[in-house]
Amino acid sequence: MLGRLTMGRHALLFSLGLFLTPLAACQPNIGDSCGSSRDCSATGERQCDLTQPGGYCTVRGCDADTCPDNAICVEWRFNPTRTAETWCMKACGGDGGCRTGAGYLCAPPNRINQDGDLIPEECDPIPTDQQLARVIDLDSTRSLSSVCAAVGVTDSCVLPDDSTDEESDGDDL
């Protein structure tokens, strides 16, 4: 009888392990879509940013080098510093790795201007005081990375503060 109890207990534990393994494998990642924070984490360590298209699983208030694997800590609206917020963002490379059809692009944070537009690579670098975001991770491989972000795209190299009065014809009195 003791042998059957032990055998039954092993079978129960094995069955429970088979049931729980897929649940662990399906844990949402930073950058996944969500409808509530519960979709991102059952324990509350990740939030759903519903201001982003389709929701965005993230960690708000990250510090340098504290985001989960495949994520980068990005500081947004850091100028002036009182408006700054940090969020874990999904790391990406080139044009791939971001959710398609949801408006996300793989963007280097230091190429996003104050209007939230990605400036083309052929343009001069954006001065720090005119950037909307920057990576704050200290790890050299992360500090130069791109992130999946819902940004606009511009083909202009002119930054908002660089506008000139091109319509003036010199006839001002």
N, C-alpha and C. Protein backbone atom coordinates (compact mmCIF):
# COMPACT_ATOMS: atom_id res chain seq x y z
N MET A 1 0.82 -1.19 0.00
CA MET A 1 0.00 0.00 0.00
C MET A 1 0.87 1.26 0.00
N LEU A 2 1.95 1.28 0.77
CA LEU A 2 2.86 2.42 0.81
C LEU A 2 3.46 2.67 -0.57
N GLY A 3 3.75 1.59 -1.30
CA GLY A 3 4.29 1.73 -2.65
C GLY A 3 3.31 2.42 -3.58
N ARG A 4 2.02 2.10 -3.45
CA ARG A 4 1.01 2.75 -4.29
C ARG A 4 0.85 4.22 -3.95
N LEU A 5 0.94 4.59 -2.67
CA LEU A 5 0.83 5.99 -2.28
C LEU A 5 2.01 6.79 -2.83
N THR A 6 3.18 6.22 -2.71
CA THR A 6 4.36 6.90 -3.23
C THR A 6 4.27 7.03 -4.74
N MET A 7 3.83 5.98 -5.42
CA MET A 7 3.67 6.01 -6.87
C MET A 7 2.61 7.04 -7.26
N GLY A 8 1.51 7.09 -6.53
CA GLY A 8 0.46 8.07 -6.81
C GLY A 8 0.93 9.49 -6.59
N ARG A 9 1.72 9.72 -5.56
CA ARG A 9 2.24 11.05 -5.27
C ARG A 9 3.19 11.49 -6.38
N HIS A 10 4.04 10.59 -6.86
CA HIS A 10 4.95 10.92 -7.96
C HIS A 10 4.17 11.25 -9.23
N ALA A 11 3.13 10.50 -9.49
CA ALA A 11 2.31 10.75 -10.67
C ALA A 11 1.63 12.11 -10.56
N LEU A 12 1.15 12.45 -9.38
CA LEU A 12 0.50 13.74 -9.17
C LEU A 12 1.50 14.88 -9.36
N LEU A 13 2.68 14.76 -8.79
CA LEU A 13 3.69 15.80 -8.95
C LEU A 13 4.13 15.94 -10.40
N PHE A 14 4.27 14.81 -11.08
CA PHE A 14 4.65 14.84 -12.50
C PHE A 14 3.57 15.56 -13.32
N SER A 15 2.30 15.24 -13.07
CA SER A 15 1.19 15.87 -13.79
C SER A 15 1.13 17.36 -13.51
N LEU A 16 1.34 17.73 -12.25
CA LEU A 16 1.34 19.14 -11.89
C LEU A 16 2.49 19.87 -12.59
N GLY A 17 3.64 19.25 -12.68
CA GLY A 17 4.78 19.84 -13.38
C GLY A 17 4.48 20.04 -14.86
N LEU A 18 3.82 19.07 -15.49
CA LEU A 18 3.45 19.21 -16.90
C LEU A 18 2.47 20.35 -17.10
N PHE A 19 1.59 20.56 -16.13
CA PHE A 19 0.60 21.62 -16.22
C PHE A 19 1.23 22.99 -16.04
N LEU A 20 2.16 23.13 -15.10
CA LEU A 20 2.75 24.43 -14.79
C LEU A 20 3.86 24.85 -15.74
N THR A 21 4.53 23.93 -16.38
CA THR A 21 5.63 24.27 -17.29
C THR A 21 5.18 25.19 -18.43
N PRO A 22 4.08 24.92 -19.13
CA PRO A 22 3.66 25.85 -20.18
C PRO A 22 3.32 27.23 -19.64
N LEU A 23 2.80 27.31 -18.43
CA LEU A 23 2.47 28.61 -17.87
C LEU A 23 3.73 29.44 -17.65
N ALA A 24 4.79 28.83 -17.20
CA ALA A 24 6.05 29.55 -16.99
C ALA A 24 6.64 30.00 -18.31
N ALA A 25 6.50 29.20 -19.35
CA ALA A 25 7.05 29.53 -20.65
C ALA A 25 6.29 30.67 -21.32
N CYS A 26 5.08 30.93 -20.90
CA CYS A 26 4.24 31.95 -21.54
C CYS A 26 4.27 33.28 -20.80
N GLN A 27 5.19 33.48 -19.87
CA GLN A 27 5.24 34.74 -19.15
C GLN A 27 5.54 35.86 -20.15
N PRO A 28 4.75 36.93 -20.10
CA PRO A 28 4.95 38.03 -21.04
C PRO A 28 6.33 38.69 -20.88
N ASN A 29 6.82 39.22 -21.97
CA ASN A 29 8.11 39.91 -22.00
C ASN A 29 7.88 41.41 -22.06
N ILE A 30 8.92 42.17 -21.75
CA ILE A 30 8.87 43.62 -21.92
C ILE A 30 8.58 43.89 -23.40
N GLY A 31 7.63 44.78 -23.66
CA GLY A 31 7.26 45.13 -25.03
C GLY A 31 6.07 44.37 -25.57
N ASP A 32 5.62 43.32 -24.88
CA ASP A 32 4.45 42.56 -25.34
C ASP A 32 3.19 43.41 -25.20
N SER A 33 2.18 43.07 -25.98
CA SER A 33 0.90 43.78 -25.90
C SER A 33 0.18 43.37 -24.61
N CYS A 34 -0.73 44.24 -24.15
CA CYS A 34 -1.46 43.97 -22.92
C CYS A 34 -2.72 44.82 -22.86
N GLY A 35 -3.64 44.37 -22.04
CA GLY A 35 -4.86 45.13 -21.81
C GLY A 35 -4.96 45.61 -20.37
N SER A 36 -4.15 45.00 -19.50
CA SER A 36 -4.07 45.42 -18.09
C SER A 36 -2.73 44.93 -17.55
N SER A 37 -2.36 45.43 -16.39
CA SER A 37 -1.07 45.03 -15.79
C SER A 37 -1.05 43.56 -15.44
N ARG A 38 -2.20 42.97 -15.20
CA ARG A 38 -2.27 41.54 -14.91
C ARG A 38 -1.79 40.71 -16.11
N ASP A 39 -1.94 41.25 -17.32
CA ASP A 39 -1.45 40.55 -18.52
C ASP A 39 0.07 40.50 -18.55
N CYS A 40 0.73 41.41 -17.84
CA CYS A 40 2.19 41.50 -17.87
C CYS A 40 2.85 40.74 -16.73
N SER A 41 2.16 40.65 -15.61
CA SER A 41 2.75 40.00 -14.45
C SER A 41 1.68 39.68 -13.41
N ALA A 42 1.68 38.46 -12.96
CA ALA A 42 0.74 38.06 -11.92
C ALA A 42 1.17 38.59 -10.55
N THR A 43 2.44 38.93 -10.40
CA THR A 43 2.96 39.38 -9.11
C THR A 43 3.12 40.89 -9.02
N GLY A 44 2.87 41.62 -10.11
CA GLY A 44 2.89 43.08 -10.07
C GLY A 44 4.21 43.75 -10.34
N GLU A 45 5.26 42.99 -10.72
CA GLU A 45 6.54 43.66 -10.96
C GLU A 45 6.60 44.33 -12.34
N ARG A 46 5.63 44.05 -13.20
CA ARG A 46 5.56 44.70 -14.52
C ARG A 46 4.19 45.35 -14.67
N GLN A 47 4.16 46.45 -15.40
CA GLN A 47 2.91 47.18 -15.63
C GLN A 47 2.57 47.19 -17.11
N CYS A 48 1.31 47.46 -17.38
CA CYS A 48 0.84 47.64 -18.76
C CYS A 48 0.69 49.13 -19.00
N ASP A 49 1.47 49.68 -19.91
CA ASP A 49 1.36 51.09 -20.28
C ASP A 49 0.30 51.18 -21.37
N LEU A 50 -0.91 51.55 -20.97
CA LEU A 50 -2.03 51.62 -21.90
C LEU A 50 -2.01 52.87 -22.77
N THR A 51 -1.06 53.79 -22.55
CA THR A 51 -0.95 54.95 -23.41
C THR A 51 -0.27 54.58 -24.73
N GLN A 52 0.32 53.40 -24.79
CA GLN A 52 1.00 52.93 -26.00
C GLN A 52 0.05 52.08 -26.84
N PRO A 53 0.21 52.07 -28.16
CA PRO A 53 -0.69 51.28 -29.03
C PRO A 53 -0.72 49.81 -28.64
N GLY A 54 -1.90 49.29 -28.35
CA GLY A 54 -2.05 47.88 -27.99
C GLY A 54 -1.51 47.54 -26.62
N GLY A 55 -1.16 48.55 -25.81
CA GLY A 55 -0.56 48.33 -24.50
C GLY A 55 0.89 47.90 -24.65
N TYR A 56 1.69 48.09 -23.63
CA TYR A 56 3.12 47.78 -23.67
C TYR A 56 3.55 47.32 -22.29
N CYS A 57 3.91 46.04 -22.15
CA CYS A 57 4.40 45.53 -20.87
C CYS A 57 5.75 46.17 -20.57
N THR A 58 5.88 46.73 -19.37
CA THR A 58 7.09 47.47 -19.02
C THR A 58 7.31 47.45 -17.51
N VAL A 59 8.41 48.03 -17.09
CA VAL A 59 8.67 48.30 -15.68
C VAL A 59 8.89 49.81 -15.58
N ARG A 60 8.06 50.46 -14.80
CA ARG A 60 8.18 51.91 -14.62
C ARG A 60 9.15 52.19 -13.47
N GLY A 61 9.95 53.24 -13.63
CA GLY A 61 10.87 53.65 -12.58
C GLY A 61 12.12 52.79 -12.50
N CYS A 62 12.58 52.29 -13.64
CA CYS A 62 13.79 51.46 -13.64
C CYS A 62 15.03 52.32 -13.34
N ASP A 63 16.05 51.66 -12.89
CA ASP A 63 17.36 52.26 -12.70
C ASP A 63 18.31 51.62 -13.71
N ALA A 64 19.46 52.24 -13.90
CA ALA A 64 20.45 51.71 -14.86
C ALA A 64 20.72 50.23 -14.61
N ASP A 65 20.70 49.47 -15.68
CA ASP A 65 21.05 48.04 -15.68
C ASP A 65 20.15 47.18 -14.78
N THR A 66 18.89 47.57 -14.58
CA THR A 66 17.98 46.78 -13.75
C THR A 66 16.85 46.13 -14.52
N CYS A 67 16.73 46.38 -15.81
CA CYS A 67 15.63 45.81 -16.59
C CYS A 67 15.88 44.33 -16.86
N PRO A 68 14.80 43.57 -17.07
CA PRO A 68 14.96 42.14 -17.39
C PRO A 68 15.73 41.95 -18.70
N ASP A 69 16.14 40.70 -18.95
CA ASP A 69 16.84 40.39 -20.20
C ASP A 69 16.07 40.93 -21.39
N ASN A 70 16.79 41.33 -22.42
CA ASN A 70 16.22 41.85 -23.67
C ASN A 70 15.45 43.14 -23.47
N ALA A 71 15.76 43.88 -22.42
CA ALA A 71 15.13 45.17 -22.18
C ALA A 71 16.18 46.17 -21.73
N ILE A 72 15.89 47.44 -21.96
CA ILE A 72 16.82 48.53 -21.68
C ILE A 72 16.09 49.60 -20.88
N CYS A 73 16.77 50.23 -19.93
CA CYS A 73 16.17 51.32 -19.16
C CYS A 73 16.36 52.62 -19.93
N VAL A 74 15.22 53.24 -20.27
CA VAL A 74 15.23 54.46 -21.07
C VAL A 74 14.61 55.59 -20.25
N GLU A 75 15.28 56.73 -20.25
CA GLU A 75 14.76 57.93 -19.58
C GLU A 75 14.09 58.81 -20.62
N TRP A 76 12.83 59.16 -20.37
CA TRP A 76 12.03 59.97 -21.28
C TRP A 76 11.82 61.36 -20.68
N ARG A 77 11.74 62.36 -21.52
CA ARG A 77 11.49 63.76 -21.13
C ARG A 77 12.41 64.19 -19.99
N PHE A 78 13.71 64.00 -20.18
CA PHE A 78 14.70 64.28 -19.15
C PHE A 78 15.14 65.73 -19.09
N ASN A 79 14.64 66.56 -19.99
CA ASN A 79 15.02 67.96 -20.01
C ASN A 79 13.76 68.82 -20.00
N PRO A 80 13.40 69.42 -18.88
CA PRO A 80 14.09 69.53 -17.61
C PRO A 80 13.96 68.24 -16.80
N THR A 81 14.86 68.05 -15.85
CA THR A 81 14.94 66.81 -15.10
C THR A 81 13.68 66.51 -14.29
N ARG A 82 12.92 67.53 -13.89
CA ARG A 82 11.72 67.28 -13.08
C ARG A 82 10.64 66.55 -13.85
N THR A 83 10.74 66.50 -15.17
CA THR A 83 9.74 65.80 -15.98
C THR A 83 10.17 64.39 -16.37
N ALA A 84 11.36 63.98 -15.96
CA ALA A 84 11.92 62.70 -16.39
C ALA A 84 11.18 61.51 -15.79
N GLU A 85 11.04 60.46 -16.60
CA GLU A 85 10.50 59.17 -16.18
C GLU A 85 11.34 58.09 -16.84
N THR A 86 11.54 56.98 -16.14
CA THR A 86 12.28 55.87 -16.72
C THR A 86 11.36 54.67 -16.89
N TRP A 87 11.57 53.94 -17.99
CA TRP A 87 10.76 52.78 -18.33
C TRP A 87 11.66 51.73 -18.97
N CYS A 88 11.41 50.48 -18.67
CA CYS A 88 12.09 49.39 -19.38
C CYS A 88 11.44 49.25 -20.75
N MET A 89 12.27 49.23 -21.77
CA MET A 89 11.79 49.12 -23.15
C MET A 89 12.44 47.89 -23.79
N LYS A 90 11.73 47.26 -24.72
CA LYS A 90 12.25 46.08 -25.40
C LYS A 90 13.41 46.48 -26.31
N ALA A 91 14.53 45.79 -26.16
CA ALA A 91 15.69 46.01 -27.02
C ALA A 91 15.44 45.39 -28.38
N CYS A 92 15.98 46.00 -29.42
CA CYS A 92 15.81 45.47 -30.78
C CYS A 92 17.05 45.80 -31.59
N GLY A 93 17.14 45.20 -32.76
CA GLY A 93 18.27 45.44 -33.65
C GLY A 93 17.78 45.63 -35.07
N GLY A 94 18.28 46.65 -35.73
CA GLY A 94 17.86 46.91 -37.10
C GLY A 94 16.38 47.20 -37.18
N ASP A 95 15.72 46.65 -38.19
CA ASP A 95 14.30 46.89 -38.37
C ASP A 95 13.44 45.79 -37.75
N GLY A 96 14.07 44.78 -37.16
CA GLY A 96 13.30 43.66 -36.67
C GLY A 96 13.13 43.63 -35.17
N GLY A 97 12.24 42.75 -34.76
CA GLY A 97 12.06 42.49 -33.35
C GLY A 97 10.95 43.26 -32.67
N CYS A 98 10.30 44.18 -33.37
CA CYS A 98 9.21 44.94 -32.78
C CYS A 98 7.87 44.44 -33.31
N ARG A 99 6.81 44.71 -32.55
CA ARG A 99 5.47 44.31 -32.98
C ARG A 99 5.11 45.02 -34.27
N THR A 100 4.75 44.24 -35.27
CA THR A 100 4.38 44.82 -36.55
C THR A 100 2.89 45.15 -36.54
N GLY A 101 2.52 46.14 -37.29
CA GLY A 101 1.12 46.52 -37.41
C GLY A 101 0.60 47.31 -36.23
N ALA A 102 1.43 47.58 -35.24
CA ALA A 102 0.98 48.31 -34.05
C ALA A 102 1.63 49.69 -33.96
N GLY A 103 2.44 50.06 -34.95
CA GLY A 103 3.07 51.37 -34.95
C GLY A 103 4.40 51.44 -34.24
N TYR A 104 5.03 50.30 -33.96
CA TYR A 104 6.31 50.29 -33.27
C TYR A 104 7.46 50.20 -34.26
N LEU A 105 8.51 50.97 -33.98
CA LEU A 105 9.72 50.95 -34.78
C LEU A 105 10.90 50.67 -33.87
N CYS A 106 11.94 50.11 -34.43
CA CYS A 106 13.19 49.92 -33.72
C CYS A 106 13.96 51.23 -33.83
N ALA A 107 14.07 51.95 -32.71
CA ALA A 107 14.61 53.30 -32.75
C ALA A 107 15.70 53.52 -31.70
N PRO A 108 16.82 54.13 -32.09
CA PRO A 108 17.79 54.54 -31.08
C PRO A 108 17.19 55.72 -30.30
N PRO A 109 17.06 55.63 -28.99
CA PRO A 109 16.42 56.71 -28.23
C PRO A 109 17.04 58.09 -28.48
N ASN A 110 18.35 58.17 -28.70
CA ASN A 110 18.98 59.47 -28.92
C ASN A 110 18.71 60.05 -30.30
N ARG A 111 17.90 59.37 -31.11
CA ARG A 111 17.50 59.88 -32.44
C ARG A 111 16.02 60.27 -32.46
N ILE A 112 15.39 60.33 -31.29
CA ILE A 112 13.97 60.72 -31.19
C ILE A 112 13.93 62.18 -30.73
N ASN A 113 13.30 63.03 -31.55
CA ASN A 113 13.26 64.46 -31.20
C ASN A 113 12.12 64.76 -30.22
N GLN A 114 12.04 66.00 -29.80
CA GLN A 114 11.05 66.43 -28.82
C GLN A 114 9.60 66.24 -29.30
N ASP A 115 9.39 66.15 -30.60
CA ASP A 115 8.05 65.90 -31.14
C ASP A 115 7.70 64.41 -31.15
N GLY A 116 8.64 63.57 -30.75
CA GLY A 116 8.40 62.12 -30.75
C GLY A 116 8.63 61.48 -32.10
N ASP A 117 9.37 62.17 -32.97
CA ASP A 117 9.67 61.65 -34.30
C ASP A 117 11.10 61.12 -34.37
N LEU A 118 11.27 60.03 -35.09
CA LEU A 118 12.58 59.45 -35.33
C LEU A 118 13.26 60.24 -36.45
N ILE A 119 14.43 60.76 -36.16
CA ILE A 119 15.22 61.54 -37.13
C ILE A 119 16.06 60.57 -37.95
N PRO A 120 16.09 60.75 -39.28
CA PRO A 120 16.87 59.83 -40.13
C PRO A 120 18.35 59.77 -39.74
N GLU A 121 18.95 58.62 -39.98
CA GLU A 121 20.37 58.40 -39.67
C GLU A 121 21.30 59.36 -40.42
N GLU A 122 20.90 59.81 -41.61
CA GLU A 122 21.79 60.68 -42.38
C GLU A 122 21.83 62.11 -41.82
N CYS A 123 20.97 62.42 -40.87
CA CYS A 123 20.97 63.75 -40.24
C CYS A 123 22.07 63.83 -39.18
N ASP A 124 22.46 65.04 -38.85
CA ASP A 124 23.40 65.24 -37.76
C ASP A 124 22.77 64.71 -36.47
N PRO A 125 23.58 64.32 -35.51
CA PRO A 125 23.02 63.87 -34.23
C PRO A 125 22.17 64.97 -33.58
N ILE A 126 21.17 64.56 -32.84
CA ILE A 126 20.31 65.51 -32.14
C ILE A 126 21.06 65.98 -30.89
N PRO A 127 21.14 67.29 -30.67
CA PRO A 127 21.77 67.76 -29.43
C PRO A 127 21.02 67.18 -28.22
N THR A 128 21.75 66.89 -27.17
CA THR A 128 21.17 66.25 -25.99
C THR A 128 19.95 67.01 -25.48
N ASP A 129 19.99 68.33 -25.48
CA ASP A 129 18.87 69.11 -24.93
C ASP A 129 17.64 69.09 -25.83
N GLN A 130 17.74 68.49 -27.03
CA GLN A 130 16.59 68.39 -27.92
C GLN A 130 16.14 66.94 -28.13
N GLN A 131 16.73 66.01 -27.38
CA GLN A 131 16.33 64.61 -27.45
C GLN A 131 15.14 64.38 -26.51
N LEU A 132 14.26 63.48 -26.90
CA LEU A 132 13.13 63.11 -26.05
C LEU A 132 13.50 61.97 -25.11
N ALA A 133 14.46 61.13 -25.50
CA ALA A 133 14.78 59.94 -24.71
C ALA A 133 16.28 59.65 -24.78
N ARG A 134 16.72 58.89 -23.77
CA ARG A 134 18.11 58.44 -23.77
C ARG A 134 18.20 57.16 -22.93
N VAL A 135 19.13 56.30 -23.34
CA VAL A 135 19.39 55.08 -22.58
C VAL A 135 20.22 55.47 -21.37
N ILE A 136 19.83 54.95 -20.19
CA ILE A 136 20.62 55.26 -19.00
C ILE A 136 21.41 54.06 -18.51
N ASP A 137 21.27 52.91 -19.17
CA ASP A 137 22.05 51.73 -18.78
C ASP A 137 23.53 52.03 -18.95
N LEU A 138 24.33 51.49 -18.06
CA LEU A 138 25.77 51.70 -18.09
C LEU A 138 26.49 50.63 -18.88
N ASP A 139 25.88 49.45 -19.00
CA ASP A 139 26.46 48.35 -19.76
C ASP A 139 26.66 48.83 -21.20
N SER A 140 27.87 48.73 -21.71
CA SER A 140 28.19 49.29 -23.03
C SER A 140 27.38 48.67 -24.16
N THR A 141 27.01 47.40 -24.05
CA THR A 141 26.21 46.79 -25.11
C THR A 141 24.78 47.31 -25.10
N ARG A 142 24.27 47.66 -23.94
CA ARG A 142 22.91 48.18 -23.83
C ARG A 142 22.86 49.68 -24.12
N SER A 143 23.90 50.42 -23.74
CA SER A 143 23.86 51.88 -23.82
C SER A 143 23.75 52.39 -25.26
N LEU A 144 24.13 51.60 -26.23
CA LEU A 144 24.04 52.01 -27.63
C LEU A 144 22.90 51.32 -28.38
N SER A 145 22.04 50.65 -27.65
CA SER A 145 20.99 49.85 -28.28
C SER A 145 19.80 50.68 -28.73
N SER A 146 18.99 50.06 -29.56
CA SER A 146 17.72 50.63 -30.00
C SER A 146 16.61 49.93 -29.24
N VAL A 147 15.44 50.57 -29.19
CA VAL A 147 14.29 50.02 -28.48
C VAL A 147 13.06 50.05 -29.37
N CYS A 148 12.10 49.18 -29.07
CA CYS A 148 10.80 49.18 -29.76
C CYS A 148 9.96 50.29 -29.15
N ALA A 149 9.66 51.31 -29.94
CA ALA A 149 8.91 52.46 -29.44
C ALA A 149 7.89 52.90 -30.49
N ALA A 150 6.79 53.43 -30.01
CA ALA A 150 5.76 53.97 -30.91
C ALA A 150 6.13 55.42 -31.19
N VAL A 151 6.84 55.62 -32.28
CA VAL A 151 7.31 56.96 -32.65
C VAL A 151 6.87 57.28 -34.08
N GLY A 152 6.82 58.56 -34.37
CA GLY A 152 6.58 58.99 -35.73
C GLY A 152 7.89 58.95 -36.50
N VAL A 153 7.81 59.21 -37.78
CA VAL A 153 9.00 59.24 -38.62
C VAL A 153 8.98 60.55 -39.39
N THR A 154 10.12 61.19 -39.46
CA THR A 154 10.23 62.40 -40.25
C THR A 154 11.36 62.21 -41.26
N ASP A 155 11.24 62.87 -42.39
CA ASP A 155 12.33 62.83 -43.37
C ASP A 155 13.15 64.11 -43.31
N SER A 156 12.81 64.97 -42.36
CA SER A 156 13.48 66.24 -42.22
C SER A 156 14.58 66.17 -41.17
N CYS A 157 15.67 66.87 -41.44
CA CYS A 157 16.74 66.96 -40.47
C CYS A 157 16.60 68.22 -39.62
N VAL A 158 15.60 69.05 -39.92
CA VAL A 158 15.39 70.28 -39.18
C VAL A 158 14.67 69.96 -37.88
N LEU A 159 15.26 70.34 -36.77
CA LEU A 159 14.65 70.12 -35.47
C LEU A 159 13.68 71.24 -35.17
N PRO A 160 12.68 71.02 -34.32
CA PRO A 160 11.67 72.04 -34.03
C PRO A 160 12.24 73.38 -33.63
N ASP A 161 13.30 73.43 -32.85
CA ASP A 161 13.88 74.70 -32.41
C ASP A 161 14.75 75.34 -33.48
N ASP A 162 15.00 74.63 -34.60
CA ASP A 162 15.85 75.15 -35.66
C ASP A 162 15.07 75.89 -36.73
N SER A 163 13.77 76.09 -36.55
CA SER A 163 12.96 76.71 -37.60
C SER A 163 13.43 78.14 -37.84
N THR A 164 13.41 78.52 -39.10
CA THR A 164 13.83 79.86 -39.47
C THR A 164 12.68 80.55 -40.17
N ASP A 165 12.75 81.83 -40.26
CA ASP A 165 11.70 82.60 -40.92
C ASP A 165 12.02 82.67 -42.41
N GLU A 166 11.76 81.56 -43.11
CA GLU A 166 12.08 81.47 -44.53
C GLU A 166 11.12 82.26 -45.39
N GLU A 167 9.95 82.62 -44.82
CA GLU A 167 8.96 83.35 -45.62
C GLU A 167 9.26 84.83 -45.70
N SER A 168 10.16 85.32 -44.85
CA SER A 168 10.50 86.73 -44.86
C SER A 168 11.23 87.06 -46.15
N ASP A 169 10.81 88.12 -46.82
CA ASP A 169 11.46 88.51 -48.08
C ASP A 169 12.36 89.70 -47.91
N GLY A 170 12.59 90.10 -46.64
CA GLY A 170 13.51 91.20 -46.39
C GLY A 170 12.85 92.57 -46.47
N ASP A 171 11.51 92.63 -46.67
CA ASP A 171 10.83 93.90 -46.81
C ASP A 171 10.31 94.44 -45.47
N ASP A 172 10.74 93.84 -44.37
CA ASP A 172 10.26 94.31 -43.08
C ASP A 172 10.77 95.72 -42.83
N LEU A 173 9.93 96.59 -42.31
CA LEU A 173 10.34 97.97 -42.03
C LEU A 173 10.68 98.20 -40.62
